[in-house]
Amino acid sequence: GIAAAADVPEGRRIEAEDALAAVVRLT
């Protein structure tokens, strides 16, 4: 999740989706 979040500022929507999916898995 944090690895995907690191790429979110670059405008990669897929990374944002991966990071949010990781949040769900953590919960």
mmCIF file of all heavy atoms, coordinates in Angstrom:
data_MODEL
# 
_entry.id   MODEL 
# 
loop_
_atom_site.group_PDB 
_atom_site.id 
_atom_site.type_symbol 
_atom_site.label_atom_id 
_atom_site.label_alt_id 
_atom_site.label_comp_id 
_atom_site.label_asym_id 
_atom_site.label_entity_id 
_atom_site.label_seq_id 
_atom_site.pdbx_PDB_ins_code 
_atom_site.Cartn_x 
_atom_site.Cartn_y 
_atom_site.Cartn_z 
_atom_site.occupancy 
_atom_site.B_iso_or_equiv 
_atom_site.pdbx_formal_charge 
_atom_site.auth_seq_id 
_atom_site.auth_comp_id 
_atom_site.auth_asym_id 
_atom_site.auth_atom_id 
_atom_site.pdbx_PDB_model_num 
ATOM 1   N N   . GLY A 1 1  ? 0.811   -1.214 0.000   1.00 0.00 ? 1  GLY A N   1 
ATOM 2   C CA  . GLY A 1 1  ? 0.000   0.000  0.000   1.00 0.00 ? 1  GLY A CA  1 
ATOM 3   C C   . GLY A 1 1  ? 0.843   1.261  0.000   1.00 0.00 ? 1  GLY A C   1 
ATOM 4   O O   . GLY A 1 1  ? 0.586   2.196  -0.762  1.00 0.00 ? 1  GLY A O   1 
ATOM 5   N N   . ILE A 1 2  ? 1.861   1.297  0.845   1.00 0.00 ? 2  ILE A N   1 
ATOM 6   C CA  . ILE A 1 2  ? 2.691   2.502  0.910   1.00 0.00 ? 2  ILE A CA  1 
ATOM 7   C C   . ILE A 1 2  ? 3.548   2.633  -0.340  1.00 0.00 ? 2  ILE A C   1 
ATOM 8   O O   . ILE A 1 2  ? 3.835   3.742  -0.804  1.00 0.00 ? 2  ILE A O   1 
ATOM 9   C CB  . ILE A 1 2  ? 3.557   2.501  2.190   1.00 0.00 ? 2  ILE A CB  1 
ATOM 10  C CG1 . ILE A 1 2  ? 4.024   3.925  2.515   1.00 0.00 ? 2  ILE A CG1 1 
ATOM 11  C CG2 . ILE A 1 2  ? 4.733   1.563  2.066   1.00 0.00 ? 2  ILE A CG2 1 
ATOM 12  C CD1 . ILE A 1 2  ? 2.935   4.875  2.892   1.00 0.00 ? 2  ILE A CD1 1 
ATOM 13  N N   . ALA A 1 3  ? 3.960   1.505  -0.932  1.00 0.00 ? 3  ALA A N   1 
ATOM 14  C CA  . ALA A 1 3  ? 4.726   1.563  -2.183  1.00 0.00 ? 3  ALA A CA  1 
ATOM 15  C C   . ALA A 1 3  ? 3.868   2.140  -3.302  1.00 0.00 ? 3  ALA A C   1 
ATOM 16  O O   . ALA A 1 3  ? 4.342   2.948  -4.117  1.00 0.00 ? 3  ALA A O   1 
ATOM 17  C CB  . ALA A 1 3  ? 5.223   0.175  -2.557  1.00 0.00 ? 3  ALA A CB  1 
ATOM 18  N N   . ALA A 1 4  ? 2.606   1.742  -3.348  1.00 0.00 ? 4  ALA A N   1 
ATOM 19  C CA  . ALA A 1 4  ? 1.708   2.286  -4.361  1.00 0.00 ? 4  ALA A CA  1 
ATOM 20  C C   . ALA A 1 4  ? 1.431   3.760  -4.095  1.00 0.00 ? 4  ALA A C   1 
ATOM 21  O O   . ALA A 1 4  ? 1.374   4.578  -5.021  1.00 0.00 ? 4  ALA A O   1 
ATOM 22  C CB  . ALA A 1 4  ? 0.400   1.500  -4.383  1.00 0.00 ? 4  ALA A CB  1 
ATOM 23  N N   . ALA A 1 5  ? 1.294   4.129  -2.823  1.00 0.00 ? 5  ALA A N   1 
ATOM 24  C CA  . ALA A 1 5  ? 1.015   5.529  -2.468  1.00 0.00 ? 5  ALA A CA  1 
ATOM 25  C C   . ALA A 1 5  ? 2.150   6.448  -2.881  1.00 0.00 ? 5  ALA A C   1 
ATOM 26  O O   . ALA A 1 5  ? 1.937   7.622  -3.196  1.00 0.00 ? 5  ALA A O   1 
ATOM 27  C CB  . ALA A 1 5  ? 0.766   5.645  -0.972  1.00 0.00 ? 5  ALA A CB  1 
ATOM 28  N N   . ALA A 1 6  ? 3.357   5.930  -2.867  1.00 0.00 ? 6  ALA A N   1 
ATOM 29  C CA  . ALA A 1 6  ? 4.511   6.756  -3.249  1.00 0.00 ? 6  ALA A CA  1 
ATOM 30  C C   . ALA A 1 6  ? 4.417   7.214  -4.693  1.00 0.00 ? 6  ALA A C   1 
ATOM 31  O O   . ALA A 1 6  ? 4.993   8.239  -5.068  1.00 0.00 ? 6  ALA A O   1 
ATOM 32  C CB  . ALA A 1 6  ? 5.807   5.981  -3.022  1.00 0.00 ? 6  ALA A CB  1 
ATOM 33  N N   . ASP A 1 7  ? 3.698   6.495  -5.526  1.00 0.00 ? 7  ASP A N   1 
ATOM 34  C CA  . ASP A 1 7  ? 3.573   6.842  -6.944  1.00 0.00 ? 7  ASP A CA  1 
ATOM 35  C C   . ASP A 1 7  ? 2.323   7.641  -7.255  1.00 0.00 ? 7  ASP A C   1 
ATOM 36  O O   . ASP A 1 7  ? 2.142   8.099  -8.385  1.00 0.00 ? 7  ASP A O   1 
ATOM 37  C CB  . ASP A 1 7  ? 3.563   5.575  -7.803  1.00 0.00 ? 7  ASP A CB  1 
ATOM 38  C CG  . ASP A 1 7  ? 4.929   4.917  -7.865  1.00 0.00 ? 7  ASP A CG  1 
ATOM 39  O OD1 . ASP A 1 7  ? 5.923   5.649  -7.760  1.00 0.00 ? 7  ASP A OD1 1 
ATOM 40  O OD2 . ASP A 1 7  ? 4.988   3.683  -8.020  1.00 0.00 ? 7  ASP A OD2 1 
ATOM 41  N N   . VAL A 1 8  ? 1.454   7.838  -6.279  1.00 0.00 ? 8  VAL A N   1 
ATOM 42  C CA  . VAL A 1 8  ? 0.210   8.557  -6.523  1.00 0.00 ? 8  VAL A CA  1 
ATOM 43  C C   . VAL A 1 8  ? 0.452   9.992  -6.993  1.00 0.00 ? 8  VAL A C   1 
ATOM 44  O O   . VAL A 1 8  ? -0.217  10.470 -7.914  1.00 0.00 ? 8  VAL A O   1 
ATOM 45  C CB  . VAL A 1 8  ? -0.693  8.541  -5.268  1.00 0.00 ? 8  VAL A CB  1 
ATOM 46  C CG1 . VAL A 1 8  ? -1.884  9.479  -5.455  1.00 0.00 ? 8  VAL A CG1 1 
ATOM 47  C CG2 . VAL A 1 8  ? -1.180  7.118  -5.001  1.00 0.00 ? 8  VAL A CG2 1 
ATOM 48  N N   . PRO A 1 9  ? 1.435   10.749 -6.411  1.00 0.00 ? 9  PRO A N   1 
ATOM 49  C CA  . PRO A 1 9  ? 1.652   12.119 -6.886  1.00 0.00 ? 9  PRO A CA  1 
ATOM 50  C C   . PRO A 1 9  ? 2.019   12.201 -8.357  1.00 0.00 ? 9  PRO A C   1 
ATOM 51  O O   . PRO A 1 9  ? 1.877   13.250 -8.973  1.00 0.00 ? 9  PRO A O   1 
ATOM 52  C CB  . PRO A 1 9  ? 2.814   12.609 -6.011  1.00 0.00 ? 9  PRO A CB  1 
ATOM 53  C CG  . PRO A 1 9  ? 2.723   11.793 -4.772  1.00 0.00 ? 9  PRO A CG  1 
ATOM 54  C CD  . PRO A 1 9  ? 2.267   10.446 -5.238  1.00 0.00 ? 9  PRO A CD  1 
ATOM 55  N N   . GLU A 1 10 ? 2.535   11.123 -8.930  1.00 0.00 ? 10 GLU A N   1 
ATOM 56  C CA  . GLU A 1 10 ? 2.891   11.140 -10.344 1.00 0.00 ? 10 GLU A CA  1 
ATOM 57  C C   . GLU A 1 10 ? 1.655   11.072 -11.236 1.00 0.00 ? 10 GLU A C   1 
ATOM 58  O O   . GLU A 1 10 ? 1.760   11.079 -12.455 1.00 0.00 ? 10 GLU A O   1 
ATOM 59  C CB  . GLU A 1 10 ? 3.803   9.944  -10.664 1.00 0.00 ? 10 GLU A CB  1 
ATOM 60  C CG  . GLU A 1 10 ? 5.124   9.956  -9.912  1.00 0.00 ? 10 GLU A CG  1 
ATOM 61  C CD  . GLU A 1 10 ? 6.049   11.057 -10.403 1.00 0.00 ? 10 GLU A CD  1 
ATOM 62  O OE1 . GLU A 1 10 ? 5.872   11.507 -11.549 1.00 0.00 ? 10 GLU A OE1 1 
ATOM 63  O OE2 . GLU A 1 10 ? 6.928   11.475 -9.644  1.00 0.00 ? 10 GLU A OE2 1 
ATOM 64  N N   . GLY A 1 11 ? 0.470   10.983 -10.614 1.00 0.00 ? 11 GLY A N   1 
ATOM 65  C CA  . GLY A 1 11 ? -0.750  10.993 -11.398 1.00 0.00 ? 11 GLY A CA  1 
ATOM 66  C C   . GLY A 1 11 ? -1.174  9.621  -11.893 1.00 0.00 ? 11 GLY A C   1 
ATOM 67  O O   . GLY A 1 11 ? -1.963  9.508  -12.818 1.00 0.00 ? 11 GLY A O   1 
ATOM 68  N N   . ARG A 1 12 ? -0.635  8.568  -11.268 1.00 0.00 ? 12 ARG A N   1 
ATOM 69  C CA  . ARG A 1 12 ? -0.976  7.220  -11.719 1.00 0.00 ? 12 ARG A CA  1 
ATOM 70  C C   . ARG A 1 12 ? -2.194  6.714  -10.944 1.00 0.00 ? 12 ARG A C   1 
ATOM 71  O O   . ARG A 1 12 ? -2.082  6.321  -9.795  1.00 0.00 ? 12 ARG A O   1 
ATOM 72  C CB  . ARG A 1 12 ? 0.209   6.283  -11.507 1.00 0.00 ? 12 ARG A CB  1 
ATOM 73  C CG  . ARG A 1 12 ? 1.465   6.744  -12.251 1.00 0.00 ? 12 ARG A CG  1 
ATOM 74  C CD  . ARG A 1 12 ? 2.656   5.934  -11.849 1.00 0.00 ? 12 ARG A CD  1 
ATOM 75  N NE  . ARG A 1 12 ? 3.885   6.425  -12.466 1.00 0.00 ? 12 ARG A NE  1 
ATOM 76  C CZ  . ARG A 1 12 ? 5.093   6.052  -12.107 1.00 0.00 ? 12 ARG A CZ  1 
ATOM 77  N NH1 . ARG A 1 12 ? 5.256   5.184  -11.133 1.00 0.00 ? 12 ARG A NH1 1 
ATOM 78  N NH2 . ARG A 1 12 ? 6.157   6.548  -12.701 1.00 0.00 ? 12 ARG A NH2 1 
ATOM 79  N N   . ARG A 1 13 ? -3.338  6.732  -11.567 1.00 0.00 ? 13 ARG A N   1 
ATOM 80  C CA  . ARG A 1 13 ? -4.577  6.351  -10.884 1.00 0.00 ? 13 ARG A CA  1 
ATOM 81  C C   . ARG A 1 13 ? -4.549  4.900  -10.430 1.00 0.00 ? 13 ARG A C   1 
ATOM 82  O O   . ARG A 1 13 ? -5.082  4.553  -9.371  1.00 0.00 ? 13 ARG A O   1 
ATOM 83  C CB  . ARG A 1 13 ? -5.765  6.589  -11.823 1.00 0.00 ? 13 ARG A CB  1 
ATOM 84  C CG  . ARG A 1 13 ? -7.099  6.349  -11.145 1.00 0.00 ? 13 ARG A CG  1 
ATOM 85  C CD  . ARG A 1 13 ? -8.262  6.739  -12.033 1.00 0.00 ? 13 ARG A CD  1 
ATOM 86  N NE  . ARG A 1 13 ? -9.514  6.600  -11.306 1.00 0.00 ? 13 ARG A NE  1 
ATOM 87  C CZ  . ARG A 1 13 ? -10.003 7.523  -10.505 1.00 0.00 ? 13 ARG A CZ  1 
ATOM 88  N NH1 . ARG A 1 13 ? -9.345  8.643  -10.324 1.00 0.00 ? 13 ARG A NH1 1 
ATOM 89  N NH2 . ARG A 1 13 ? -11.158 7.347  -9.871  1.00 0.00 ? 13 ARG A NH2 1 
ATOM 90  N N   . ILE A 1 14 ? -3.902  4.061  -11.202 1.00 0.00 ? 14 ILE A N   1 
ATOM 91  C CA  . ILE A 1 14 ? -3.869  2.648  -10.841 1.00 0.00 ? 14 ILE A CA  1 
ATOM 92  C C   . ILE A 1 14 ? -3.162  2.444  -9.509  1.00 0.00 ? 14 ILE A C   1 
ATOM 93  O O   . ILE A 1 14 ? -3.537  1.596  -8.706  1.00 0.00 ? 14 ILE A O   1 
ATOM 94  C CB  . ILE A 1 14 ? -3.189  1.821  -11.967 1.00 0.00 ? 14 ILE A CB  1 
ATOM 95  C CG1 . ILE A 1 14 ? -3.305  0.331  -11.671 1.00 0.00 ? 14 ILE A CG1 1 
ATOM 96  C CG2 . ILE A 1 14 ? -1.738  2.237  -12.139 1.00 0.00 ? 14 ILE A CG2 1 
ATOM 97  C CD1 . ILE A 1 14 ? -4.694  -0.199 -11.748 1.00 0.00 ? 14 ILE A CD1 1 
ATOM 98  N N   . GLU A 1 15 ? -2.110  3.271  -9.250  1.00 0.00 ? 15 GLU A N   1 
ATOM 99  C CA  . GLU A 1 15 ? -1.406  3.163  -7.976  1.00 0.00 ? 15 GLU A CA  1 
ATOM 100 C C   . GLU A 1 15 ? -2.310  3.596  -6.822  1.00 0.00 ? 15 GLU A C   1 
ATOM 101 O O   . GLU A 1 15 ? -2.268  3.025  -5.731  1.00 0.00 ? 15 GLU A O   1 
ATOM 102 C CB  . GLU A 1 15 ? -0.127  4.008  -7.989  1.00 0.00 ? 15 GLU A CB  1 
ATOM 103 C CG  . GLU A 1 15 ? 1.074   3.331  -8.618  1.00 0.00 ? 15 GLU A CG  1 
ATOM 104 C CD  . GLU A 1 15 ? 0.981   3.266  -10.129 1.00 0.00 ? 15 GLU A CD  1 
ATOM 105 O OE1 . GLU A 1 15 ? 0.122   3.952  -10.696 1.00 0.00 ? 15 GLU A OE1 1 
ATOM 106 O OE2 . GLU A 1 15 ? 1.781   2.531  -10.745 1.00 0.00 ? 15 GLU A OE2 1 
ATOM 107 N N   . ALA A 1 16 ? -3.132  4.621  -7.046  1.00 0.00 ? 16 ALA A N   1 
ATOM 108 C CA  . ALA A 1 16 ? -4.063  5.061  -6.011  1.00 0.00 ? 16 ALA A CA  1 
ATOM 109 C C   . ALA A 1 16 ? -5.049  3.944  -5.685  1.00 0.00 ? 16 ALA A C   1 
ATOM 110 O O   . ALA A 1 16 ? -5.362  3.689  -4.508  1.00 0.00 ? 16 ALA A O   1 
ATOM 111 C CB  . ALA A 1 16 ? -4.811  6.312  -6.479  1.00 0.00 ? 16 ALA A CB  1 
ATOM 112 N N   . GLU A 1 17 ? -5.521  3.276  -6.714  1.00 0.00 ? 17 GLU A N   1 
ATOM 113 C CA  . GLU A 1 17 ? -6.459  2.170  -6.487  1.00 0.00 ? 17 GLU A CA  1 
ATOM 114 C C   . GLU A 1 17 ? -5.783  1.039  -5.728  1.00 0.00 ? 17 GLU A C   1 
ATOM 115 O O   . GLU A 1 17 ? -6.388  0.430  -4.830  1.00 0.00 ? 17 GLU A O   1 
ATOM 116 C CB  . GLU A 1 17 ? -6.994  1.678  -7.828  1.00 0.00 ? 17 GLU A CB  1 
ATOM 117 C CG  . GLU A 1 17 ? -7.863  2.708  -8.549  1.00 0.00 ? 17 GLU A CG  1 
ATOM 118 C CD  . GLU A 1 17 ? -8.275  2.259  -9.934  1.00 0.00 ? 17 GLU A CD  1 
ATOM 119 O OE1 . GLU A 1 17 ? -7.782  1.195  -10.371 1.00 0.00 ? 17 GLU A OE1 1 
ATOM 120 O OE2 . GLU A 1 17 ? -9.078  2.967  -10.580 1.00 0.00 ? 17 GLU A OE2 1 
ATOM 121 N N   . ASP A 1 18 ? -4.524  0.759  -6.063  1.00 0.00 ? 18 ASP A N   1 
ATOM 122 C CA  . ASP A 1 18 ? -3.794  -0.301 -5.350  1.00 0.00 ? 18 ASP A CA  1 
ATOM 123 C C   . ASP A 1 18 ? -3.597  0.066  -3.889  1.00 0.00 ? 18 ASP A C   1 
ATOM 124 O O   . ASP A 1 18 ? -3.711  -0.793 -2.996  1.00 0.00 ? 18 ASP A O   1 
ATOM 125 C CB  . ASP A 1 18 ? -2.429  -0.535 -6.007  1.00 0.00 ? 18 ASP A CB  1 
ATOM 126 C CG  . ASP A 1 18 ? -2.550  -1.206 -7.372  1.00 0.00 ? 18 ASP A CG  1 
ATOM 127 O OD1 . ASP A 1 18 ? -3.644  -1.723 -7.672  1.00 0.00 ? 18 ASP A OD1 1 
ATOM 128 O OD2 . ASP A 1 18 ? -1.553  -1.199 -8.121  1.00 0.00 ? 18 ASP A OD2 1 
ATOM 129 N N   . ALA A 1 19 ? -3.269  1.335  -3.627  1.00 0.00 ? 19 ALA A N   1 
ATOM 130 C CA  . ALA A 1 19 ? -3.051  1.768  -2.251  1.00 0.00 ? 19 ALA A CA  1 
ATOM 131 C C   . ALA A 1 19 ? -4.338  1.661  -1.439  1.00 0.00 ? 19 ALA A C   1 
ATOM 132 O O   . ALA A 1 19 ? -4.330  1.190  -0.290  1.00 0.00 ? 19 ALA A O   1 
ATOM 133 C CB  . ALA A 1 19 ? -2.526  3.206  -2.232  1.00 0.00 ? 19 ALA A CB  1 
ATOM 134 N N   . LEU A 1 20 ? -5.464  2.069  -2.027  1.00 0.00 ? 20 LEU A N   1 
ATOM 135 C CA  . LEU A 1 20 ? -6.743  1.996  -1.307  1.00 0.00 ? 20 LEU A CA  1 
ATOM 136 C C   . LEU A 1 20 ? -7.179  0.544  -1.104  1.00 0.00 ? 20 LEU A C   1 
ATOM 137 O O   . LEU A 1 20 ? -7.795  0.207  -0.075  1.00 0.00 ? 20 LEU A O   1 
ATOM 138 C CB  . LEU A 1 20 ? -7.809  2.779  -2.074  1.00 0.00 ? 20 LEU A CB  1 
ATOM 139 C CG  . LEU A 1 20 ? -7.567  4.303  -2.149  1.00 0.00 ? 20 LEU A CG  1 
ATOM 140 C CD1 . LEU A 1 20 ? -8.610  4.965  -3.044  1.00 0.00 ? 20 LEU A CD1 1 
ATOM 141 C CD2 . LEU A 1 20 ? -7.594  4.921  -0.748  1.00 0.00 ? 20 LEU A CD2 1 
ATOM 142 N N   . ALA A 1 21 ? -6.851  -0.314 -2.076  1.00 0.00 ? 21 ALA A N   1 
ATOM 143 C CA  . ALA A 1 21 ? -7.162  -1.741 -1.899  1.00 0.00 ? 21 ALA A CA  1 
ATOM 144 C C   . ALA A 1 21 ? -6.357  -2.318 -0.747  1.00 0.00 ? 21 ALA A C   1 
ATOM 145 O O   . ALA A 1 21 ? -6.852  -3.176 0.013   1.00 0.00 ? 21 ALA A O   1 
ATOM 146 C CB  . ALA A 1 21 ? -6.858  -2.499 -3.196  1.00 0.00 ? 21 ALA A CB  1 
ATOM 147 N N   . ALA A 1 22 ? -5.120  -1.864 -0.576  1.00 0.00 ? 22 ALA A N   1 
ATOM 148 C CA  . ALA A 1 22 ? -4.287  -2.333 0.531   1.00 0.00 ? 22 ALA A CA  1 
ATOM 149 C C   . ALA A 1 22 ? -4.881  -1.897 1.864   1.00 0.00 ? 22 ALA A C   1 
ATOM 150 O O   . ALA A 1 22 ? -4.797  -2.628 2.868   1.00 0.00 ? 22 ALA A O   1 
ATOM 151 C CB  . ALA A 1 22 ? -2.862  -1.795 0.379   1.00 0.00 ? 22 ALA A CB  1 
ATOM 152 N N   . VAL A 1 23 ? -5.471  -0.682 1.881   1.00 0.00 ? 23 VAL A N   1 
ATOM 153 C CA  . VAL A 1 23 ? -6.120  -0.198 3.107   1.00 0.00 ? 23 VAL A CA  1 
ATOM 154 C C   . VAL A 1 23 ? -7.254  -1.146 3.506   1.00 0.00 ? 23 VAL A C   1 
ATOM 155 O O   . VAL A 1 23 ? -7.426  -1.480 4.695   1.00 0.00 ? 23 VAL A O   1 
ATOM 156 C CB  . VAL A 1 23 ? -6.653  1.235  2.904   1.00 0.00 ? 23 VAL A CB  1 
ATOM 157 C CG1 . VAL A 1 23 ? -7.512  1.658  4.099   1.00 0.00 ? 23 VAL A CG1 1 
ATOM 158 C CG2 . VAL A 1 23 ? -5.495  2.206  2.710   1.00 0.00 ? 23 VAL A CG2 1 
ATOM 159 N N   . VAL A 1 24 ? -8.016  -1.572 2.510   1.00 0.00 ? 24 VAL A N   1 
ATOM 160 C CA  . VAL A 1 24 ? -9.108  -2.519 2.781   1.00 0.00 ? 24 VAL A CA  1 
ATOM 161 C C   . VAL A 1 24 ? -8.557  -3.819 3.353   1.00 0.00 ? 24 VAL A C   1 
ATOM 162 O O   . VAL A 1 24 ? -9.099  -4.379 4.328   1.00 0.00 ? 24 VAL A O   1 
ATOM 163 C CB  . VAL A 1 24 ? -9.917  -2.787 1.493   1.00 0.00 ? 24 VAL A CB  1 
ATOM 164 C CG1 . VAL A 1 24 ? -10.945 -3.888 1.732   1.00 0.00 ? 24 VAL A CG1 1 
ATOM 165 C CG2 . VAL A 1 24 ? -10.599 -1.507 1.022   1.00 0.00 ? 24 VAL A CG2 1 
ATOM 166 N N   . ARG A 1 25 ? -7.445  -4.306 2.775   1.00 0.00 ? 25 ARG A N   1 
ATOM 167 C CA  . ARG A 1 25 ? -6.853  -5.559 3.271   1.00 0.00 ? 25 ARG A CA  1 
ATOM 168 C C   . ARG A 1 25 ? -6.343  -5.407 4.696   1.00 0.00 ? 25 ARG A C   1 
ATOM 169 O O   . ARG A 1 25 ? -6.421  -6.345 5.501   1.00 0.00 ? 25 ARG A O   1 
ATOM 170 C CB  . ARG A 1 25 ? -5.710  -6.013 2.360   1.00 0.00 ? 25 ARG A CB  1 
ATOM 171 C CG  . ARG A 1 25 ? -6.162  -6.406 0.967   1.00 0.00 ? 25 ARG A CG  1 
ATOM 172 C CD  . ARG A 1 25 ? -5.145  -7.311 0.269   1.00 0.00 ? 25 ARG A CD  1 
ATOM 173 N NE  . ARG A 1 25 ? -3.821  -6.724 0.189   1.00 0.00 ? 25 ARG A NE  1 
ATOM 174 C CZ  . ARG A 1 25 ? -3.422  -5.880 -0.760  1.00 0.00 ? 25 ARG A CZ  1 
ATOM 175 N NH1 . ARG A 1 25 ? -4.284  -5.503 -1.706  1.00 0.00 ? 25 ARG A NH1 1 
ATOM 176 N NH2 . ARG A 1 25 ? -2.190  -5.417 -0.770  1.00 0.00 ? 25 ARG A NH2 1 
ATOM 177 N N   . LEU A 1 26 ? -5.835  -4.230 5.032   1.00 0.00 ? 26 LEU A N   1 
ATOM 178 C CA  . LEU A 1 26 ? -5.365  -3.992 6.404   1.00 0.00 ? 26 LEU A CA  1 
ATOM 179 C C   . LEU A 1 26 ? -6.531  -4.030 7.391   1.00 0.00 ? 26 LEU A C   1 
ATOM 180 O O   . LEU A 1 26 ? -6.403  -4.582 8.497   1.00 0.00 ? 26 LEU A O   1 
ATOM 181 C CB  . LEU A 1 26 ? -4.642  -2.638 6.482   1.00 0.00 ? 26 LEU A CB  1 
ATOM 182 C CG  . LEU A 1 26 ? -3.234  -2.603 5.881   1.00 0.00 ? 26 LEU A CG  1 
ATOM 183 C CD1 . LEU A 1 26 ? -2.754  -1.172 5.712   1.00 0.00 ? 26 LEU A CD1 1 
ATOM 184 C CD2 . LEU A 1 26 ? -2.266  -3.385 6.774   1.00 0.00 ? 26 LEU A CD2 1 
ATOM 185 N N   . THR A 1 27 ? -7.642  -3.436 6.988   1.00 0.00 ? 27 THR A N   1 
ATOM 186 C CA  . THR A 1 27 ? -8.829  -3.468 7.857   1.00 0.00 ? 27 THR A CA  1 
ATOM 187 C C   . THR A 1 27 ? -9.325  -4.903 8.014   1.00 0.00 ? 27 THR A C   1 
ATOM 188 O O   . THR A 1 27 ? -9.679  -5.346 9.133   1.00 0.00 ? 27 THR A O   1 
ATOM 189 C CB  . THR A 1 27 ? -9.938  -2.584 7.262   1.00 0.00 ? 27 THR A CB  1 
ATOM 190 O OG1 . THR A 1 27 ? -9.451  -1.249 7.116   1.00 0.00 ? 27 THR A OG1 1 
ATOM 191 C CG2 . THR A 1 27 ? -11.165 -2.589 8.157   1.00 0.00 ? 27 THR A CG2 1 
# 
